[in-house]
C-alpha atoms as a PDB file:
ATOM      1  CA  MET A   1      61.050 110.410 160.935  1.00  0.00           C
ATOM      2  CA  ARG A   2      60.080 108.279 163.750  1.00  0.00           C
ATOM      3  CA  GLY A   3      62.905 108.046 166.085  1.00  0.00           C
ATOM      4  CA  ALA A   4      64.913 110.393 163.716  1.00  0.00           C
ATOM      5  CA  GLY A   5      65.628 113.140 167.389  1.00  0.00           C
ATOM      6  CA  ALA A   6      64.296 116.333 168.626  1.00  0.00           C
ATOM      7  CA  ASP A   7      67.401 118.391 166.385  1.00  0.00           C
ATOM      8  CA  VAL A   8      65.513 116.932 163.447  1.00  0.00           C
ATOM      9  CA  PHE A   9      61.920 117.658 164.112  1.00  0.00           C
ATOM     10  CA  ALA A  10      63.263 121.255 165.313  1.00  0.00           C
ATOM     11  CA  VAL A  11      65.414 121.867 162.380  1.00  0.00           C
ATOM     12  CA  TRP A  12      61.999 120.337 159.899  1.00  0.00           C
ATOM     13  CA  GLY A  13      59.707 122.345 161.604  1.00  0.00           C
ATOM     14  CA  TYR A  14      61.582 125.940 160.902  1.00  0.00           C
ATOM     15  CA  VAL A  15      62.062 124.383 157.029  1.00  0.00           C
ATOM     16  CA  ILE A  16      58.461 123.555 156.759  1.00  0.00           C
ATOM     17  CA  ALA A  17      57.321 127.089 158.595  1.00  0.00           C
ATOM     18  CA  HIS A  18      59.309 129.155 155.968  1.00  0.00           C
ATOM     19  CA  ALA A  19      58.887 126.884 152.851  1.00  0.00           C
ATOM     20  CA  LYS A  20      57.534 129.239 149.773  1.00  0.00           C
ATOM     21  CA  SER A  21      54.747 128.311 147.507  1.00  0.00           C
ATOM     22  CA  ASP A  22      57.211 126.363 144.712  1.00  0.00           C
ATOM     23  CA  SER A  23      58.045 123.787 147.639  1.00  0.00           C
ATOM     24  CA  VAL A  24      61.471 125.559 148.136  1.00  0.00           C
ATOM     25  CA  VAL A  25      62.949 126.455 150.808  1.00  0.00           C
ATOM     26  CA  GLU A  26      66.352 128.715 151.463  1.00  0.00           C
ATOM     27  CA  LEU A  27      68.413 126.955 154.241  1.00  0.00           C
ATOM     28  CA  ASN A  28      71.601 128.614 155.502  1.00  0.00           C
ATOM     29  CA  PRO A  29      73.016 126.591 158.703  1.00  0.00           C
ATOM     30  CA  GLU A  30      74.672 129.019 160.148  1.00  0.00           C
ATOM     31  CA  VAL A  31      71.422 131.444 160.142  1.00  0.00           C
ATOM     32  CA  VAL A  32      68.998 128.649 161.087  1.00  0.00           C
ATOM     33  CA  ALA A  33      71.381 127.728 164.100  1.00  0.00           C
ATOM     34  CA  PHE A  34      71.039 131.449 165.543  1.00  0.00           C
ATOM     35  CA  LEU A  35      67.311 130.737 164.876  1.00  0.00           C
ATOM     36  CA  ILE A  36      66.453 128.480 166.785  1.00  0.00           C
ATOM     37  CA  GLY A  37      68.750 128.164 169.414  1.00  0.00           C
ATOM     38  CA  MET A  38      71.584 125.208 167.862  1.00  0.00           C
ATOM     39  CA  PRO A  39      75.406 124.736 167.297  1.00  0.00           C
ATOM     40  CA  GLN A  40      75.388 124.586 163.641  1.00  0.00           C
ATOM     41  CA  ASP A  41      77.096 120.991 164.151  1.00  0.00           C
ATOM     42  CA  ARG A  42      73.797 119.687 164.479  1.00  0.00           C
ATOM     43  CA  VAL A  43      71.342 121.300 162.661  1.00  0.00           C
ATOM     44  CA  GLU A  44      74.084 120.668 159.977  1.00  0.00           C
ATOM     45  CA  LYS A  45      73.589 116.847 160.904  1.00  0.00           C
ATOM     46  CA  ALA A  46      69.919 117.569 160.805  1.00  0.00           C
ATOM     47  CA  ILE A  47      69.827 118.725 156.996  1.00  0.00           C
ATOM     48  CA  ARG A  48      71.717 115.594 156.020  1.00  0.00           C
ATOM     49  CA  PHE A  49      69.380 113.091 157.479  1.00  0.00           C
ATOM     50  CA  LEU A  50      66.490 114.818 155.873  1.00  0.00           C
ATOM     51  CA  MET A  51      68.371 114.899 152.579  1.00  0.00           C
ATOM     52  CA  SER A  52      69.205 110.834 152.760  1.00  0.00           C
ATOM     53  CA  PRO A  53      66.624 108.472 151.233  1.00  0.00           C
ATOM     54  CA  ASP A  54      64.422 107.166 153.909  1.00  0.00           C
ATOM     55  CA  SER A  55      62.629 103.553 152.065  1.00  0.00           C
ATOM     56  CA  LYS A  56      59.849 103.950 155.064  1.00  0.00           C
ATOM     57  CA  SER A  57      58.573 107.306 154.086  1.00  0.00           C
ATOM     58  CA  ARG A  58      55.489 107.209 152.365  1.00  0.00           C
ATOM     59  CA  ASN A  59      56.311 109.285 149.671  1.00  0.00           C
ATOM     60  CA  LYS A  60      58.949 107.197 147.227  1.00  0.00           C
ATOM     61  CA  GLU A  61      59.358 109.975 145.351  1.00  0.00           C
ATOM     62  CA  TYR A  62      63.140 111.207 144.977  1.00  0.00           C
ATOM     63  CA  GLU A  63      63.512 107.564 147.075  1.00  0.00           C
ATOM     64  CA  GLY A  64      61.742 108.945 150.186  1.00  0.00           C
ATOM     65  CA  ARG A  65      64.168 112.229 150.532  1.00  0.00           C
ATOM     66  CA  ARG A  66      62.561 114.980 152.506  1.00  0.00           C
ATOM     67  CA  MET A  67      64.592 117.632 151.168  1.00  0.00           C
ATOM     68  CA  VAL A  68      66.508 117.689 147.741  1.00  0.00           C
ATOM     69  CA  LYS A  69      69.643 119.938 147.168  1.00  0.00           C
ATOM     70  CA  ARG A  70      69.715 122.604 144.221  1.00  0.00           C
ATOM     71  CA  GLY A  71      71.615 124.973 145.326  1.00  0.00           C
ATOM     72  CA  GLU A  72      74.527 126.278 148.378  1.00  0.00           C
ATOM     73  CA  PHE A  73      71.443 126.860 150.119  1.00  0.00           C
ATOM     74  CA  GLU A  74      68.529 126.063 148.317  1.00  0.00           C
ATOM     75  CA  TYR A  75      66.206 122.627 148.476  1.00  0.00           C
ATOM     76  CA  PHE A  76      63.405 121.579 146.822  1.00  0.00           C
ATOM     77  CA  LEU A  77      61.291 119.502 149.108  1.00  0.00           C
ATOM     78  CA  PRO A  78      58.822 116.566 147.535  1.00  0.00           C
ATOM     79  CA  SER A  79      56.778 116.011 150.655  1.00  0.00           C
ATOM     80  CA  VAL A  80      56.155 119.949 151.617  1.00  0.00           C
ATOM     81  CA  ALA A  81      52.321 119.566 150.049  1.00  0.00           C
ATOM     82  CA  TYR A  82      51.341 117.027 152.955  1.00  0.00           C
ATOM     83  CA  TYR A  83      52.505 119.723 155.109  1.00  0.00           C
ATOM     84  CA  ARG A  84      50.805 122.166 153.777  1.00  0.00           C
ATOM     85  CA  GLY A  85      48.124 120.590 154.610  1.00  0.00           C
ATOM     86  CA  VAL A  86      47.915 121.209 157.958  1.00  0.00           C
ATOM     87  CA  SER A  87      45.152 123.554 158.996  1.00  0.00           C
ATOM     88  CA  SER A  88      47.774 126.188 160.681  1.00  0.00           C
ATOM     89  CA  MET A  89      50.895 126.923 161.785  1.00  0.00           C
ATOM     90  CA  GLU A  90      49.803 126.408 165.839  1.00  0.00           C
ATOM     91  CA  ASP A  91      49.107 122.704 164.372  1.00  0.00           C
ATOM     92  CA  LEU A  92      52.024 122.465 163.092  1.00  0.00           C
ATOM     93  CA  ARG A  93      54.168 123.546 165.739  1.00  0.00           C
ATOM     94  CA  GLU A  94      52.077 120.850 167.973  1.00  0.00           C
ATOM     95  CA  TYR A  95      52.652 118.563 165.827  1.00  0.00           C
ATOM     96  CA  ASN A  96      56.531 118.809 166.248  1.00  0.00           C
ATOM     97  CA  ARG A  97      56.052 119.404 169.957  1.00  0.00           C
ATOM     98  CA  VAL A  98      54.423 115.492 169.852  1.00  0.00           C
ATOM     99  CA  LYS A  99      57.315 113.858 167.783  1.00  0.00           C
ATOM    100  CA  GLN A 100      59.874 115.361 169.875  1.00  0.00           C
ATOM    101  CA  ARG A 101      58.349 114.749 173.266  1.00  0.00           C
ATOM    102  CA  GLU A 102      57.317 111.062 171.519  1.00  0.00           C
ATOM    103  CA  SER A 103      61.441 111.128 170.511  1.00  0.00           C
ATOM    104  CA  ARG A 104      62.701 111.922 174.190  1.00  0.00           C
ATOM    105  CA  GLU A 105      60.875 109.481 175.932  1.00  0.00           C
ATOM    106  CA  ARG A 106      62.334 106.873 173.234  1.00  0.00           C
ATOM    107  CA  ARG A 107      65.587 107.788 174.346  1.00  0.00           C
ATOM    108  CA  LYS A 108      65.045 107.320 177.839  1.00  0.00           C
ATOM    109  CA  LEU A 109      63.883 103.819 177.381  1.00  0.00           C
ATOM    110  CA  SER A 110      66.524 102.540 175.476  1.00  0.00           C
ATOM    111  CA  GLU A 111      69.111 104.316 177.991  1.00  0.00           C
ATOM    112  CA  PRO A 112      70.606 101.666 179.941  1.00  0.00           C
ATOM    113  CA  LYS A 113      70.010 101.280 184.079  1.00  0.00           C
ATOM    114  CA  SER A 114      72.794 102.995 186.237  1.00  0.00           C
ATOM    115  CA  GLU A 115      73.729 101.606 188.826  1.00  0.00           C
ATOM    116  CA  SER A 116      76.381 105.034 189.576  1.00  0.00           C
ATOM    117  CA  LEU A 117      76.160 108.122 191.735  1.00  0.00           C
ATOM    118  CA  ASN A 118      74.475 109.237 188.506  1.00  0.00           C
ATOM    119  CA  GLY A 119      70.759 107.551 189.456  1.00  0.00           C
ATOM    120  CA  ASP A 120      69.010 106.533 186.042  1.00  0.00           C
ATOM    121  CA  SER A 121      65.762 108.094 184.269  1.00  0.00           C
ATOM    122  CA  ASN A 122      63.374 106.578 186.895  1.00  0.00           C
ATOM    123  CA  GLY A 123      65.365 108.045 190.158  1.00  0.00           C
ATOM    124  CA  PRO A 124      67.968 111.140 191.695  1.00  0.00           C
ATOM    125  CA  ASP A 125      71.328 111.466 190.565  1.00  0.00           C
ATOM    126  CA  TRP A 126      73.865 111.342 194.133  1.00  0.00           C
ATOM    127  CA  GLU A 127      73.545 114.976 194.679  1.00  0.00           C
ATOM    128  CA  SER A 128      69.917 115.592 194.709  1.00  0.00           C
ATOM    129  CA  VAL A 129      70.230 113.172 197.657  1.00  0.00           C
ATOM    130  CA  LYS A 130      72.624 114.467 199.625  1.00  0.00           C
ATOM    131  CA  LYS A 131      70.549 117.601 199.569  1.00  0.00           C
ATOM    132  CA  TRP A 132      67.284 115.768 200.752  1.00  0.00           C
ATOM    133  CA  LEU A 133      69.472 114.787 203.308  1.00  0.00           C
ATOM    134  CA  SER A 134      70.945 117.599 204.514  1.00  0.00           C
ATOM    135  CA  GLU A 135      67.170 118.777 204.763  1.00  0.00           C
ATOM    136  CA  SER A 136      65.767 115.491 206.617  1.00  0.00           C
ATOM    137  CA  LYS A 137      68.452 116.202 209.403  1.00  0.00           C
ATOM    138  CA  LYS A 138      67.221 119.655 209.696  1.00  0.00           C
ATOM    139  CA  ASN A 139      63.558 118.180 210.482  1.00  0.00           C
ATOM    140  CA  GLY A 140      65.168 115.458 213.125  1.00  0.00           C
ATOM    141  CA  SER A 141      66.096 112.693 211.053  1.00  0.00           C
ATOM    142  CA  ASP A 142      68.621 110.582 212.482  1.00  0.00           C
ATOM    143  CA  TYR A 143      70.160 109.026 208.567  1.00  0.00           C
ATOM    144  CA  SER A 144      73.573 108.736 208.168  1.00  0.00           C
ATOM    145  CA  GLU A 145      75.851 109.638 204.854  1.00  0.00           C
ATOM    146  CA  LEU A 146      76.681 105.944 205.167  1.00  0.00           C
ATOM    147  CA  GLU A 147      73.278 104.162 205.397  1.00  0.00           C
ATOM    148  CA  THR A 148      71.406 106.659 202.852  1.00  0.00           C
ATOM    149  CA  LYS A 149      74.333 106.054 200.155  1.00  0.00           C
ATOM    150  CA  SER A 150      73.768 102.027 200.713  1.00  0.00           C
ATOM    151  CA  ALA A 151      70.300 102.379 200.144  1.00  0.00           C
ATOM    152  CA  PHE A 152      70.244 105.032 196.969  1.00  0.00           C
ATOM    153  CA  LEU A 153      72.590 102.364 195.360  1.00  0.00           C
ATOM    154  CA  ALA A 154      70.701  99.567 196.386  1.00  0.00           C
ATOM    155  CA  LEU A 155      67.512 101.312 194.601  1.00  0.00           C
ATOM    156  CA  SER A 156      69.808 102.651 191.580  1.00  0.00           C
ATOM    157  CA  ALA A 157      70.787  99.371 190.623  1.00  0.00           C
ATOM    158  CA  ASN A 158      67.449  97.699 191.098  1.00  0.00           C
ATOM    159  CA  GLY A 159      66.341 100.656 188.418  1.00  0.00           C
ATOM    160  CA  TRP A 160      64.243 102.345 191.317  1.00  0.00           C
ATOM    161  CA  MET A 161      61.848  99.582 191.618  1.00  0.00           C
ATOM    162  CA  TRP A 162      59.905  98.358 194.457  1.00  0.00           C
ATOM    163  CA  GLY A 163      59.663  94.582 193.826  1.00  0.00           C
ATOM    164  CA  LYS A 164      57.413  95.049 190.760  1.00  0.00           C
ATOM    165  CA  ASN A 165      56.177  98.419 190.964  1.00  0.00           C
ATOM    166  CA  PRO A 166      58.093 101.288 189.869  1.00  0.00           C
ATOM    167  CA  VAL A 167      59.138 104.140 192.194  1.00  0.00           C
ATOM    168  CA  THR A 168      56.612 107.048 192.421  1.00  0.00           C
ATOM    169  CA  ASP A 169      58.039 109.134 195.629  1.00  0.00           C
ATOM    170  CA  TRP A 170      61.822 108.705 195.681  1.00  0.00           C
ATOM    171  CA  ARG A 171      62.247 110.447 198.807  1.00  0.00           C
ATOM    172  CA  SER A 172      59.987 107.836 200.726  1.00  0.00           C
ATOM    173  CA  ALA A 173      61.606 104.616 198.608  1.00  0.00           C
ATOM    174  CA  VAL A 174      64.772 106.043 200.146  1.00  0.00           C
ATOM    175  CA  GLU A 175      63.571 106.440 203.807  1.00  0.00           C
ATOM    176  CA  ARG A 176      62.150 102.742 203.463  1.00  0.00           C
ATOM    177  CA  GLN A 177      65.020 101.224 202.138  1.00  0.00           C
ATOM    178  CA  ILE A 178      66.970 102.764 204.639  1.00  0.00           C
ATOM    179  CA  GLN A 179      64.668 101.243 207.292  1.00  0.00           C
ATOM    180  CA  THR A 180      64.444  97.899 205.893  1.00  0.00           C
ATOM    181  CA  ASP A 181      68.402  98.083 205.990  1.00  0.00           C
ATOM    182  CA  ARG A 182      68.069  98.770 209.428  1.00  0.00           C
ATOM    183  CA  ASP A 183      65.608  96.126 210.364  1.00  0.00           C
ATOM    184  CA  ARG A 184      68.100  93.347 208.274  1.00  0.00           C
ATOM    185  CA  LYS A 185      71.099  94.227 210.075  1.00  0.00           C
ATOM    186  CA  GLN A 186      69.082  94.845 213.665  1.00  0.00           C
ATOM    187  CA  LYS A 187      67.878  91.121 212.987  1.00  0.00           C
ATOM    188  CA  SER A 188      71.172  89.875 212.083  1.00  0.00           C
ATOM    189  CA  ASN A 189      72.774  91.193 214.907  1.00  0.00           C
ATOM    190  CA  THR A 190      70.026  89.607 217.195  1.00  0.00           C
ATOM    191  CA  ASN A 191      70.654  86.082 215.635  1.00  0.00           C
ATOM    192  CA  SER A 192      74.564  86.327 215.547  1.00  0.00           C
ATOM    193  CA  ARG A 193      74.399  87.131 219.919  1.00  0.00           C
ATOM    194  CA  GLU A 194      76.392  85.704 221.611  1.00  0.00           C
ATOM    195  CA  VAL A 195      74.088  82.762 223.884  1.00  0.00           C
ATOM    196  CA  THR A 196      75.574  82.026 227.441  1.00  0.00           C
ATOM    197  CA  PRO A 197      75.608  78.799 228.755  1.00  0.00           C
ATOM    198  CA  SER A 198      72.582  79.189 231.133  1.00  0.00           C
ATOM    199  CA  GLU A 199      70.307  80.632 228.237  1.00  0.00           C
ATOM    200  CA  SER A 200      70.661  77.490 226.349  1.00  0.00           C
ATOM    201  CA  LEU A 201      70.084  75.023 229.152  1.00  0.00           C
ATOM    202  CA  PRO A 202      66.224  74.174 229.983  1.00  0.00           C
ATOM    203  CA  MET A 203      64.252  75.730 233.074  1.00  0.00           C
ATOM    204  CA  LYS A 204      63.960  71.883 234.698  1.00  0.00           C
ATOM    205  CA  GLU A 205      67.342  71.799 234.647  1.00  0.00           C
ATOM    206  CA  LEU A 206      68.596  75.142 235.808  1.00  0.00           C
ATOM    207  CA  GLU A 207      66.335  74.433 238.911  1.00  0.00           C
ATOM    208  CA  ARG A 208      67.896  70.695 239.611  1.00  0.00           C
ATOM    209  CA  MET A 209      71.640  72.368 239.470  1.00  0.00           C
ATOM    210  CA  LYS A 210      70.254  74.945 241.410  1.00  0.00           C
ATOM    211  CA  ARG A 211      69.075  72.943 244.274  1.00  0.00           C
ATOM    212  CA  GLU A 212      72.550  70.608 243.685  1.00  0.00           C
ATOM    213  CA  VAL A 213      74.251  73.878 244.823  1.00  0.00           C
ATOM    214  CA  ASP A 214      72.585  74.854 247.274  1.00  0.00           C
ATOM    215  CA  ARG A 215      73.144  71.272 249.057  1.00  0.00           C
ATOM    216  CA  LEU A 216      76.786  72.136 249.513  1.00  0.00           C
END
């Protein structure tokens, strides 16, 4: 069931826990939804997944289906014998927790990087950054909202990477980006400063011109 999603593993955990010795389980979606705290439509979707053929399943019986419907709420479980081999219900719960965590991690990796104020999987959203900015101002920082937002968008666009390394502390990364932007702006202003005629002349030429003026 690799990649099936957390909903499927939650319903499957309930199925295994309530399966009878004859590998049959009674599964009312409305009751299951109430007991595991999941919307009924998602429970029904997970049940349909568990009833569908799976060519990658190691158990080829019933085309790899994990559940076969036999009545309105009655299902036969072809592969329940394997799961019955788990030494305890706590082991089964741990198995389901691991699978759900793996599913969440895969979803994070598959999500596209965001360049909006919603942030992305590696960094905060703009509202979190605004709260941090407010706190930093209370502690004496002079960061403006405009330059903070500019730093946030730059880091988001780069996938919250600093060079080749992922950002581990987004607050420090935002501060560093702000300072980098300030330094770049200051350097740009310095390079574009208008040079006066006297600054463009060599010192010896300036002295010669001064002597000429003194003679007048």
